[in-house]
ModelCIF file with pLDDT and N, C-alpha, C, O atoms, coordinates in Angstrom:
data_MODEL
#
_entry.id   MODEL 
#
_entity.id                         1 
_entity.type                       polymer 
_entity.pdbx_number_of_molecules   1 
#
_entity_poly.entity_id                      1 
_entity_poly.type                           'polypeptide(L)' 
_entity_poly.nstd_linkage                   no 
_entity_poly.nstd_monomer                   no 
_entity_poly.pdbx_seq_one_letter_code       ITKHLHVMEKAGLVKSVRHGRERLWQMDQHRVHQAQRYLKQISSQW 
_entity_poly.pdbx_seq_one_letter_code_can   ITKHLHVMEKAGLVKSVRHGRERLWQMDQHRVHQAQRYLKQISSQW 
_entity_poly.pdbx_strand_id                 A 
#
loop_
_entity_poly_seq.entity_id 
_entity_poly_seq.num 
_entity_poly_seq.mon_id 
_entity_poly_seq.hetero 
1 1  ILE n 
1 2  THR n 
1 3  LYS n 
1 4  HIS n 
1 5  LEU n 
1 6  HIS n 
1 7  VAL n 
1 8  MET n 
1 9  GLU n 
1 10 LYS n 
1 11 ALA n 
1 12 GLY n 
1 13 LEU n 
1 14 VAL n 
1 15 LYS n 
1 16 SER n 
1 17 VAL n 
1 18 ARG n 
1 19 HIS n 
1 20 GLY n 
1 21 ARG n 
1 22 GLU n 
1 23 ARG n 
1 24 LEU n 
1 25 TRP n 
1 26 GLN n 
1 27 MET n 
1 28 ASP n 
1 29 GLN n 
1 30 HIS n 
1 31 ARG n 
1 32 VAL n 
1 33 HIS n 
1 34 GLN n 
1 35 ALA n 
1 36 GLN n 
1 37 ARG n 
1 38 TYR n 
1 39 LEU n 
1 40 LYS n 
1 41 GLN n 
1 42 ILE n 
1 43 SER n 
1 44 SER n 
1 45 GLN n 
1 46 TRP n 
#
_struct_asym.id          A 
_struct_asym.entity_id   1 
#
loop_
_ma_qa_metric.id 
_ma_qa_metric.mode 
_ma_qa_metric.name 
_ma_qa_metric.software_group_id 
_ma_qa_metric.type 
1 global pLDDT . pLDDT 
2 local  pLDDT . pLDDT 
#
_ma_qa_metric_global.metric_id      1 
_ma_qa_metric_global.metric_value   94.78 
_ma_qa_metric_global.model_id       1 
_ma_qa_metric_global.ordinal_id     1 
#
loop_
_ma_qa_metric_local.label_asym_id 
_ma_qa_metric_local.label_comp_id 
_ma_qa_metric_local.label_seq_id 
_ma_qa_metric_local.metric_id 
_ma_qa_metric_local.metric_value 
_ma_qa_metric_local.model_id 
_ma_qa_metric_local.ordinal_id 
A ILE 1  2 94.00 1 1  
A THR 2  2 93.00 1 2  
A LYS 3  2 95.00 1 3  
A HIS 4  2 95.00 1 4  
A LEU 5  2 95.00 1 5  
A HIS 6  2 95.00 1 6  
A VAL 7  2 96.00 1 7  
A MET 8  2 95.00 1 8  
A GLU 9  2 96.00 1 9  
A LYS 10 2 95.00 1 10 
A ALA 11 2 93.00 1 11 
A GLY 12 2 94.00 1 12 
A LEU 13 2 95.00 1 13 
A VAL 14 2 96.00 1 14 
A LYS 15 2 95.00 1 15 
A SER 16 2 93.00 1 16 
A VAL 17 2 94.00 1 17 
A ARG 18 2 92.00 1 18 
A HIS 19 2 90.00 1 19 
A GLY 20 2 91.00 1 20 
A ARG 21 2 91.00 1 21 
A GLU 22 2 91.00 1 22 
A ARG 23 2 92.00 1 23 
A LEU 24 2 95.00 1 24 
A TRP 25 2 96.00 1 25 
A GLN 26 2 95.00 1 26 
A MET 27 2 95.00 1 27 
A ASP 28 2 95.00 1 28 
A GLN 29 2 95.00 1 29 
A HIS 30 2 95.00 1 30 
A ARG 31 2 94.00 1 31 
A VAL 32 2 94.00 1 32 
A HIS 33 2 96.00 1 33 
A GLN 34 2 95.00 1 34 
A ALA 35 2 93.00 1 35 
A GLN 36 2 95.00 1 36 
A ARG 37 2 97.00 1 37 
A TYR 38 2 96.00 1 38 
A LEU 39 2 96.00 1 39 
A LYS 40 2 97.00 1 40 
A GLN 41 2 97.00 1 41 
A ILE 42 2 98.00 1 42 
A SER 43 2 98.00 1 43 
A SER 44 2 97.00 1 44 
A GLN 45 2 97.00 1 45 
A TRP 46 2 98.00 1 46 
#
loop_
_atom_site.group_PDB 
_atom_site.id 
_atom_site.type_symbol 
_atom_site.label_atom_id 
_atom_site.label_alt_id 
_atom_site.label_comp_id 
_atom_site.label_asym_id 
_atom_site.label_entity_id 
_atom_site.label_seq_id 
_atom_site.pdbx_PDB_ins_code 
_atom_site.Cartn_x 
_atom_site.Cartn_y 
_atom_site.Cartn_z 
_atom_site.occupancy 
_atom_site.B_iso_or_equiv 
_atom_site.pdbx_formal_charge 
_atom_site.auth_seq_id 
_atom_site.auth_comp_id 
_atom_site.auth_asym_id 
_atom_site.auth_atom_id 
_atom_site.pdbx_PDB_model_num 
ATOM 1   N N  . ILE A 1 1  ? 1.045   -1.093 -0.226  1.00 94.00 ? 1  ILE A N  1 
ATOM 2   C CA . ILE A 1 1  ? 0.054   -0.245 0.222   1.00 94.00 ? 1  ILE A CA 1 
ATOM 3   C C  . ILE A 1 1  ? 0.818   1.390  -0.043  1.00 94.00 ? 1  ILE A C  1 
ATOM 4   O O  . ILE A 1 1  ? 0.357   2.274  -0.765  1.00 94.00 ? 1  ILE A O  1 
ATOM 5   N N  . THR A 1 2  ? 1.742   1.436  0.545   1.00 93.00 ? 2  THR A N  1 
ATOM 6   C CA . THR A 1 2  ? 2.614   2.366  0.644   1.00 93.00 ? 2  THR A CA 1 
ATOM 7   C C  . THR A 1 2  ? 3.263   2.564  -0.484  1.00 93.00 ? 2  THR A C  1 
ATOM 8   O O  . THR A 1 2  ? 3.391   3.725  -0.872  1.00 93.00 ? 2  THR A O  1 
ATOM 9   N N  . LYS A 1 3  ? 3.768   1.568  -1.192  1.00 95.00 ? 3  LYS A N  1 
ATOM 10  C CA . LYS A 1 3  ? 4.455   1.771  -2.728  1.00 95.00 ? 3  LYS A CA 1 
ATOM 11  C C  . LYS A 1 3  ? 3.671   2.283  -3.324  1.00 95.00 ? 3  LYS A C  1 
ATOM 12  O O  . LYS A 1 3  ? 4.167   3.148  -4.047  1.00 95.00 ? 3  LYS A O  1 
ATOM 13  N N  . HIS A 1 4  ? 2.046   2.149  -3.453  1.00 95.00 ? 4  HIS A N  1 
ATOM 14  C CA . HIS A 1 4  ? 1.441   2.621  -4.376  1.00 95.00 ? 4  HIS A CA 1 
ATOM 15  C C  . HIS A 1 4  ? 0.739   3.756  -3.902  1.00 95.00 ? 4  HIS A C  1 
ATOM 16  O O  . HIS A 1 4  ? -0.076  4.177  -4.723  1.00 95.00 ? 4  HIS A O  1 
ATOM 17  N N  . LEU A 1 5  ? 0.809   4.511  -2.618  1.00 95.00 ? 5  LEU A N  1 
ATOM 18  C CA . LEU A 1 5  ? 0.276   5.662  -2.410  1.00 95.00 ? 5  LEU A CA 1 
ATOM 19  C C  . LEU A 1 5  ? 1.708   6.513  -2.961  1.00 95.00 ? 5  LEU A C  1 
ATOM 20  O O  . LEU A 1 5  ? 1.500   7.576  -3.545  1.00 95.00 ? 5  LEU A O  1 
ATOM 21  N N  . HIS A 1 6  ? 3.086   6.080  -2.789  1.00 95.00 ? 6  HIS A N  1 
ATOM 22  C CA . HIS A 1 6  ? 3.960   6.936  -3.128  1.00 95.00 ? 6  HIS A CA 1 
ATOM 23  C C  . HIS A 1 6  ? 3.814   7.598  -4.615  1.00 95.00 ? 6  HIS A C  1 
ATOM 24  O O  . HIS A 1 6  ? 3.810   8.795  -4.902  1.00 95.00 ? 6  HIS A O  1 
ATOM 25  N N  . VAL A 1 7  ? 3.686   6.364  -5.552  1.00 96.00 ? 7  VAL A N  1 
ATOM 26  C CA . VAL A 1 7  ? 3.152   6.506  -6.886  1.00 96.00 ? 7  VAL A CA 1 
ATOM 27  C C  . VAL A 1 7  ? 1.974   7.576  -7.202  1.00 96.00 ? 7  VAL A C  1 
ATOM 28  O O  . VAL A 1 7  ? 2.082   8.493  -8.016  1.00 96.00 ? 7  VAL A O  1 
ATOM 29  N N  . MET A 1 8  ? 1.027   7.344  -6.548  1.00 95.00 ? 8  MET A N  1 
ATOM 30  C CA . MET A 1 8  ? 0.017   7.850  -6.470  1.00 95.00 ? 8  MET A CA 1 
ATOM 31  C C  . MET A 1 8  ? 0.146   9.614  -6.443  1.00 95.00 ? 8  MET A C  1 
ATOM 32  O O  . MET A 1 8  ? -0.298  10.509 -7.162  1.00 95.00 ? 8  MET A O  1 
ATOM 33  N N  . GLU A 1 9  ? 1.086   9.560  -5.085  1.00 96.00 ? 9  GLU A N  1 
ATOM 34  C CA . GLU A 1 9  ? 1.725   10.888 -4.862  1.00 96.00 ? 9  GLU A CA 1 
ATOM 35  C C  . GLU A 1 9  ? 2.154   11.753 -5.673  1.00 96.00 ? 9  GLU A C  1 
ATOM 36  O O  . GLU A 1 9  ? 1.896   12.937 -5.889  1.00 96.00 ? 9  GLU A O  1 
ATOM 37  N N  . LYS A 1 10 ? 3.084   10.742 -6.241  1.00 95.00 ? 10 LYS A N  1 
ATOM 38  C CA . LYS A 1 10 ? 3.813   11.391 -7.198  1.00 95.00 ? 10 LYS A CA 1 
ATOM 39  C C  . LYS A 1 10 ? 2.963   12.080 -8.514  1.00 95.00 ? 10 LYS A C  1 
ATOM 40  O O  . LYS A 1 10 ? 3.127   13.199 -9.000  1.00 95.00 ? 10 LYS A O  1 
ATOM 41  N N  . ALA A 1 11 ? 2.201   11.237 -8.831  1.00 93.00 ? 11 ALA A N  1 
ATOM 42  C CA . ALA A 1 11 ? 1.032   11.971 -9.983  1.00 93.00 ? 11 ALA A CA 1 
ATOM 43  C C  . ALA A 1 11 ? 0.188   12.966 -9.448  1.00 93.00 ? 11 ALA A C  1 
ATOM 44  O O  . ALA A 1 11 ? -0.529  13.592 -10.228 1.00 93.00 ? 11 ALA A O  1 
ATOM 45  N N  . GLY A 1 12 ? 0.156   13.236 -8.119  1.00 94.00 ? 12 GLY A N  1 
ATOM 46  C CA . GLY A 1 12 ? -0.749  14.457 -7.719  1.00 94.00 ? 12 GLY A CA 1 
ATOM 47  C C  . GLY A 1 12 ? -2.229  13.638 -6.950  1.00 94.00 ? 12 GLY A C  1 
ATOM 48  O O  . GLY A 1 12 ? -3.015  14.389 -6.372  1.00 94.00 ? 12 GLY A O  1 
ATOM 49  N N  . LEU A 1 13 ? -2.423  12.701 -6.968  1.00 95.00 ? 13 LEU A N  1 
ATOM 50  C CA . LEU A 1 13 ? -3.505  12.125 -6.703  1.00 95.00 ? 13 LEU A CA 1 
ATOM 51  C C  . LEU A 1 13 ? -3.922  11.912 -4.901  1.00 95.00 ? 13 LEU A C  1 
ATOM 52  O O  . LEU A 1 13 ? -5.040  12.083 -4.416  1.00 95.00 ? 13 LEU A O  1 
ATOM 53  N N  . VAL A 1 14 ? -2.858  11.564 -4.273  1.00 96.00 ? 14 VAL A N  1 
ATOM 54  C CA . VAL A 1 14 ? -3.005  11.648 -2.955  1.00 96.00 ? 14 VAL A CA 1 
ATOM 55  C C  . VAL A 1 14 ? -1.925  12.788 -2.478  1.00 96.00 ? 14 VAL A C  1 
ATOM 56  O O  . VAL A 1 14 ? -0.981  13.222 -3.139  1.00 96.00 ? 14 VAL A O  1 
ATOM 57  N N  . LYS A 1 15 ? -2.359  13.187 -1.024  1.00 95.00 ? 15 LYS A N  1 
ATOM 58  C CA . LYS A 1 15 ? -1.409  14.021 -0.286  1.00 95.00 ? 15 LYS A CA 1 
ATOM 59  C C  . LYS A 1 15 ? -0.864  13.167 0.928   1.00 95.00 ? 15 LYS A C  1 
ATOM 60  O O  . LYS A 1 15 ? -1.379  12.091 1.231   1.00 95.00 ? 15 LYS A O  1 
ATOM 61  N N  . SER A 1 16 ? 0.129   13.674 1.554   1.00 93.00 ? 16 SER A N  1 
ATOM 62  C CA . SER A 1 16 ? 0.588   12.943 2.629   1.00 93.00 ? 16 SER A CA 1 
ATOM 63  C C  . SER A 1 16 ? 0.846   14.145 3.608   1.00 93.00 ? 16 SER A C  1 
ATOM 64  O O  . SER A 1 16 ? 1.068   15.269 3.160   1.00 93.00 ? 16 SER A O  1 
ATOM 65  N N  . VAL A 1 17 ? 0.812   13.873 5.002   1.00 94.00 ? 17 VAL A N  1 
ATOM 66  C CA . VAL A 1 17 ? 1.213   14.664 6.266   1.00 94.00 ? 17 VAL A CA 1 
ATOM 67  C C  . VAL A 1 17 ? 1.549   13.955 7.371   1.00 94.00 ? 17 VAL A C  1 
ATOM 68  O O  . VAL A 1 17 ? 1.128   12.822 7.608   1.00 94.00 ? 17 VAL A O  1 
ATOM 69  N N  . ARG A 1 18 ? 2.190   14.491 7.964   1.00 92.00 ? 18 ARG A N  1 
ATOM 70  C CA . ARG A 1 18 ? 3.374   13.693 9.204   1.00 92.00 ? 18 ARG A CA 1 
ATOM 71  C C  . ARG A 1 18 ? 2.715   14.008 10.004  1.00 92.00 ? 18 ARG A C  1 
ATOM 72  O O  . ARG A 1 18 ? 2.709   15.239 10.006  1.00 92.00 ? 18 ARG A O  1 
ATOM 73  N N  . HIS A 1 19 ? 1.931   13.521 10.958  1.00 90.00 ? 19 HIS A N  1 
ATOM 74  C CA . HIS A 1 19 ? 1.060   13.683 12.355  1.00 90.00 ? 19 HIS A CA 1 
ATOM 75  C C  . HIS A 1 19 ? 2.018   13.012 13.344  1.00 90.00 ? 19 HIS A C  1 
ATOM 76  O O  . HIS A 1 19 ? 2.225   11.831 13.066  1.00 90.00 ? 19 HIS A O  1 
ATOM 77  N N  . GLY A 1 20 ? 2.593   13.427 14.326  1.00 91.00 ? 20 GLY A N  1 
ATOM 78  C CA . GLY A 1 20 ? 3.269   12.759 15.271  1.00 91.00 ? 20 GLY A CA 1 
ATOM 79  C C  . GLY A 1 20 ? 4.296   11.731 14.440  1.00 91.00 ? 20 GLY A C  1 
ATOM 80  O O  . GLY A 1 20 ? 5.052   12.005 13.508  1.00 91.00 ? 20 GLY A O  1 
ATOM 81  N N  . ARG A 1 21 ? 4.099   10.679 14.988  1.00 91.00 ? 21 ARG A N  1 
ATOM 82  C CA . ARG A 1 21 ? 5.321   9.524  14.412  1.00 91.00 ? 21 ARG A CA 1 
ATOM 83  C C  . ARG A 1 21 ? 4.284   8.573  12.844  1.00 91.00 ? 21 ARG A C  1 
ATOM 84  O O  . ARG A 1 21 ? 4.755   7.584  12.282  1.00 91.00 ? 21 ARG A O  1 
ATOM 85  N N  . GLU A 1 22 ? 3.010   9.154  12.489  1.00 91.00 ? 22 GLU A N  1 
ATOM 86  C CA . GLU A 1 22 ? 2.121   8.741  11.543  1.00 91.00 ? 22 GLU A CA 1 
ATOM 87  C C  . GLU A 1 22 ? 2.669   9.598  10.274  1.00 91.00 ? 22 GLU A C  1 
ATOM 88  O O  . GLU A 1 22 ? 3.403   10.585 10.238  1.00 91.00 ? 22 GLU A O  1 
ATOM 89  N N  . ARG A 1 23 ? 2.108   8.932  9.367   1.00 92.00 ? 23 ARG A N  1 
ATOM 90  C CA . ARG A 1 23 ? 2.224   9.781  7.894   1.00 92.00 ? 23 ARG A CA 1 
ATOM 91  C C  . ARG A 1 23 ? 0.266   9.261  7.562   1.00 92.00 ? 23 ARG A C  1 
ATOM 92  O O  . ARG A 1 23 ? -0.219  8.132  7.629   1.00 92.00 ? 23 ARG A O  1 
ATOM 93  N N  . LEU A 1 24 ? -0.408  10.544 7.229   1.00 95.00 ? 24 LEU A N  1 
ATOM 94  C CA . LEU A 1 24 ? -1.552  10.112 6.952   1.00 95.00 ? 24 LEU A CA 1 
ATOM 95  C C  . LEU A 1 24 ? -1.665  10.605 5.598   1.00 95.00 ? 24 LEU A C  1 
ATOM 96  O O  . LEU A 1 24 ? -0.993  11.546 5.176   1.00 95.00 ? 24 LEU A O  1 
ATOM 97  N N  . TRP A 1 25 ? -2.575  9.923  4.874   1.00 96.00 ? 25 TRP A N  1 
ATOM 98  C CA . TRP A 1 25 ? -2.696  10.113 3.229   1.00 96.00 ? 25 TRP A CA 1 
ATOM 99  C C  . TRP A 1 25 ? -4.314  10.914 3.077   1.00 96.00 ? 25 TRP A C  1 
ATOM 100 O O  . TRP A 1 25 ? -5.225  10.704 3.877   1.00 96.00 ? 25 TRP A O  1 
ATOM 101 N N  . GLN A 1 26 ? -4.373  11.435 2.412   1.00 95.00 ? 26 GLN A N  1 
ATOM 102 C CA . GLN A 1 26 ? -5.495  11.889 1.792   1.00 95.00 ? 26 GLN A CA 1 
ATOM 103 C C  . GLN A 1 26 ? -5.802  12.105 0.461   1.00 95.00 ? 26 GLN A C  1 
ATOM 104 O O  . GLN A 1 26 ? -5.221  12.948 -0.222  1.00 95.00 ? 26 GLN A O  1 
ATOM 105 N N  . MET A 1 27 ? -6.995  11.133 -0.083  1.00 95.00 ? 27 MET A N  1 
ATOM 106 C CA . MET A 1 27 ? -6.925  11.726 -1.610  1.00 95.00 ? 27 MET A CA 1 
ATOM 107 C C  . MET A 1 27 ? -7.377  13.252 -1.794  1.00 95.00 ? 27 MET A C  1 
ATOM 108 O O  . MET A 1 27 ? -8.064  13.948 -1.046  1.00 95.00 ? 27 MET A O  1 
ATOM 109 N N  . ASP A 1 28 ? -6.690  13.600 -3.203  1.00 95.00 ? 28 ASP A N  1 
ATOM 110 C CA . ASP A 1 28 ? -7.187  14.708 -4.147  1.00 95.00 ? 28 ASP A CA 1 
ATOM 111 C C  . ASP A 1 28 ? -8.495  14.213 -4.547  1.00 95.00 ? 28 ASP A C  1 
ATOM 112 O O  . ASP A 1 28 ? -8.743  13.183 -5.174  1.00 95.00 ? 28 ASP A O  1 
ATOM 113 N N  . GLN A 1 29 ? -9.179  14.960 -4.164  1.00 95.00 ? 29 GLN A N  1 
ATOM 114 C CA . GLN A 1 29 ? -10.630 14.563 -5.337  1.00 95.00 ? 29 GLN A CA 1 
ATOM 115 C C  . GLN A 1 29 ? -10.535 15.430 -6.319  1.00 95.00 ? 29 GLN A C  1 
ATOM 116 O O  . GLN A 1 29 ? -11.066 15.013 -7.348  1.00 95.00 ? 29 GLN A O  1 
ATOM 117 N N  . HIS A 1 30 ? -10.079 16.441 -6.401  1.00 95.00 ? 30 HIS A N  1 
ATOM 118 C CA . HIS A 1 30 ? -10.236 17.385 -7.807  1.00 95.00 ? 30 HIS A CA 1 
ATOM 119 C C  . HIS A 1 30 ? -9.337  16.405 -8.671  1.00 95.00 ? 30 HIS A C  1 
ATOM 120 O O  . HIS A 1 30 ? -9.937  16.033 -9.680  1.00 95.00 ? 30 HIS A O  1 
ATOM 121 N N  . ARG A 1 31 ? -8.104  15.908 -8.548  1.00 94.00 ? 31 ARG A N  1 
ATOM 122 C CA . ARG A 1 31 ? -7.135  15.477 -9.692  1.00 94.00 ? 31 ARG A CA 1 
ATOM 123 C C  . ARG A 1 31 ? -7.730  14.399 -9.571  1.00 94.00 ? 31 ARG A C  1 
ATOM 124 O O  . ARG A 1 31 ? -8.009  14.088 -10.728 1.00 94.00 ? 31 ARG A O  1 
ATOM 125 N N  . VAL A 1 32 ? -8.259  13.303 -8.621  1.00 94.00 ? 32 VAL A N  1 
ATOM 126 C CA . VAL A 1 32 ? -8.915  12.312 -8.962  1.00 94.00 ? 32 VAL A CA 1 
ATOM 127 C C  . VAL A 1 32 ? -10.088 12.124 -10.285 1.00 94.00 ? 32 VAL A C  1 
ATOM 128 O O  . VAL A 1 32 ? -9.906  11.376 -11.246 1.00 94.00 ? 32 VAL A O  1 
ATOM 129 N N  . HIS A 1 33 ? -11.214 12.921 -10.088 1.00 96.00 ? 33 HIS A N  1 
ATOM 130 C CA . HIS A 1 33 ? -11.944 13.332 -11.011 1.00 96.00 ? 33 HIS A CA 1 
ATOM 131 C C  . HIS A 1 33 ? -11.120 13.738 -12.450 1.00 96.00 ? 33 HIS A C  1 
ATOM 132 O O  . HIS A 1 33 ? -11.332 12.998 -13.411 1.00 96.00 ? 33 HIS A O  1 
ATOM 133 N N  . GLN A 1 34 ? -10.370 14.664 -12.596 1.00 95.00 ? 34 GLN A N  1 
ATOM 134 C CA . GLN A 1 34 ? -9.270  14.933 -13.287 1.00 95.00 ? 34 GLN A CA 1 
ATOM 135 C C  . GLN A 1 34 ? -9.444  13.687 -14.409 1.00 95.00 ? 34 GLN A C  1 
ATOM 136 O O  . GLN A 1 34 ? -10.045 13.550 -15.475 1.00 95.00 ? 34 GLN A O  1 
ATOM 137 N N  . ALA A 1 35 ? -8.730  13.006 -13.712 1.00 93.00 ? 35 ALA A N  1 
ATOM 138 C CA . ALA A 1 35 ? -7.952  11.595 -14.132 1.00 93.00 ? 35 ALA A CA 1 
ATOM 139 C C  . ALA A 1 35 ? -9.435  10.617 -14.629 1.00 93.00 ? 35 ALA A C  1 
ATOM 140 O O  . ALA A 1 35 ? -9.435  10.211 -15.791 1.00 93.00 ? 35 ALA A O  1 
ATOM 141 N N  . GLN A 1 36 ? -10.331 10.361 -13.965 1.00 95.00 ? 36 GLN A N  1 
ATOM 142 C CA . GLN A 1 36 ? -11.219 9.785  -14.093 1.00 95.00 ? 36 GLN A CA 1 
ATOM 143 C C  . GLN A 1 36 ? -12.227 10.549 -15.715 1.00 95.00 ? 36 GLN A C  1 
ATOM 144 O O  . GLN A 1 36 ? -12.780 9.751  -16.471 1.00 95.00 ? 36 GLN A O  1 
ATOM 145 N N  . ARG A 1 37 ? -12.303 12.091 -15.998 1.00 97.00 ? 37 ARG A N  1 
ATOM 146 C CA . ARG A 1 37 ? -12.354 12.443 -17.170 1.00 97.00 ? 37 ARG A CA 1 
ATOM 147 C C  . ARG A 1 37 ? -12.054 12.152 -18.247 1.00 97.00 ? 37 ARG A C  1 
ATOM 148 O O  . ARG A 1 37 ? -12.769 11.918 -19.221 1.00 97.00 ? 37 ARG A O  1 
ATOM 149 N N  . TYR A 1 38 ? -9.970  12.147 -18.035 1.00 96.00 ? 38 TYR A N  1 
ATOM 150 C CA . TYR A 1 38 ? -9.471  11.819 -19.019 1.00 96.00 ? 38 TYR A CA 1 
ATOM 151 C C  . TYR A 1 38 ? -9.041  10.568 -19.390 1.00 96.00 ? 38 TYR A C  1 
ATOM 152 O O  . TYR A 1 38 ? -8.427  10.443 -20.450 1.00 96.00 ? 38 TYR A O  1 
ATOM 153 N N  . LEU A 1 39 ? -9.306  9.456  -18.561 1.00 96.00 ? 39 LEU A N  1 
ATOM 154 C CA . LEU A 1 39 ? -9.919  8.026  -18.989 1.00 96.00 ? 39 LEU A CA 1 
ATOM 155 C C  . LEU A 1 39 ? -10.961 7.984  -19.431 1.00 96.00 ? 39 LEU A C  1 
ATOM 156 O O  . LEU A 1 39 ? -11.169 6.969  -20.096 1.00 96.00 ? 39 LEU A O  1 
ATOM 157 N N  . LYS A 1 40 ? -12.064 8.935  -19.330 1.00 97.00 ? 40 LYS A N  1 
ATOM 158 C CA . LYS A 1 40 ? -13.325 8.200  -19.925 1.00 97.00 ? 40 LYS A CA 1 
ATOM 159 C C  . LYS A 1 40 ? -13.230 8.969  -21.387 1.00 97.00 ? 40 LYS A C  1 
ATOM 160 O O  . LYS A 1 40 ? -13.958 8.632  -22.320 1.00 97.00 ? 40 LYS A O  1 
ATOM 161 N N  . GLN A 1 41 ? -12.240 10.056 -21.494 1.00 97.00 ? 41 GLN A N  1 
ATOM 162 C CA . GLN A 1 41 ? -12.026 10.462 -22.817 1.00 97.00 ? 41 GLN A CA 1 
ATOM 163 C C  . GLN A 1 41 ? -11.641 9.641  -23.902 1.00 97.00 ? 41 GLN A C  1 
ATOM 164 O O  . GLN A 1 41 ? -12.158 9.379  -24.988 1.00 97.00 ? 41 GLN A O  1 
ATOM 165 N N  . ILE A 1 42 ? -10.173 9.164  -23.096 1.00 98.00 ? 42 ILE A N  1 
ATOM 166 C CA . ILE A 1 42 ? -9.599  8.191  -24.021 1.00 98.00 ? 42 ILE A CA 1 
ATOM 167 C C  . ILE A 1 42 ? -10.599 6.743  -24.191 1.00 98.00 ? 42 ILE A C  1 
ATOM 168 O O  . ILE A 1 42 ? -10.407 6.105  -25.226 1.00 98.00 ? 42 ILE A O  1 
ATOM 169 N N  . SER A 1 43 ? -11.496 6.288  -23.361 1.00 98.00 ? 43 SER A N  1 
ATOM 170 C CA . SER A 1 43 ? -11.840 5.071  -23.449 1.00 98.00 ? 43 SER A CA 1 
ATOM 171 C C  . SER A 1 43 ? -12.869 5.290  -24.673 1.00 98.00 ? 43 SER A C  1 
ATOM 172 O O  . SER A 1 43 ? -13.093 4.445  -25.540 1.00 98.00 ? 43 SER A O  1 
ATOM 173 N N  . SER A 1 44 ? -13.340 6.316  -24.609 1.00 97.00 ? 44 SER A N  1 
ATOM 174 C CA . SER A 1 44 ? -14.739 6.577  -25.556 1.00 97.00 ? 44 SER A CA 1 
ATOM 175 C C  . SER A 1 44 ? -13.787 6.534  -27.188 1.00 97.00 ? 44 SER A C  1 
ATOM 176 O O  . SER A 1 44 ? -14.006 5.823  -28.169 1.00 97.00 ? 44 SER A O  1 
ATOM 177 N N  . GLN A 1 45 ? -12.845 7.446  -27.002 1.00 97.00 ? 45 GLN A N  1 
ATOM 178 C CA . GLN A 1 45 ? -11.672 7.323  -28.097 1.00 97.00 ? 45 GLN A CA 1 
ATOM 179 C C  . GLN A 1 45 ? -11.633 5.840  -28.753 1.00 97.00 ? 45 GLN A C  1 
ATOM 180 O O  . GLN A 1 45 ? -12.050 5.526  -29.868 1.00 97.00 ? 45 GLN A O  1 
ATOM 181 N N  . TRP A 1 46 ? -11.068 5.066  -27.844 1.00 98.00 ? 46 TRP A N  1 
ATOM 182 C CA . TRP A 1 46 ? -10.747 3.552  -28.308 1.00 98.00 ? 46 TRP A CA 1 
ATOM 183 C C  . TRP A 1 46 ? -12.095 3.006  -28.772 1.00 98.00 ? 46 TRP A C  1 
ATOM 184 O O  . TRP A 1 46 ? -12.183 1.853  -29.193 1.00 98.00 ? 46 TRP A O  1 
#
C-alpha cells in the first residue's frame, strides 16, 4: 500500500502529512476526478 501511495502521490492523486510518528494520507478528489474524465475520454476514443 505504501508503494502504491507513493506512486499516487507523485501523480498528484494523494497527499500525505506527518502527524506525530504517523503519516496520514488524503485523496485529492479534484485530481482524481480530472483523471477519471481523462480516462473516460480515452476510453471513448478507443
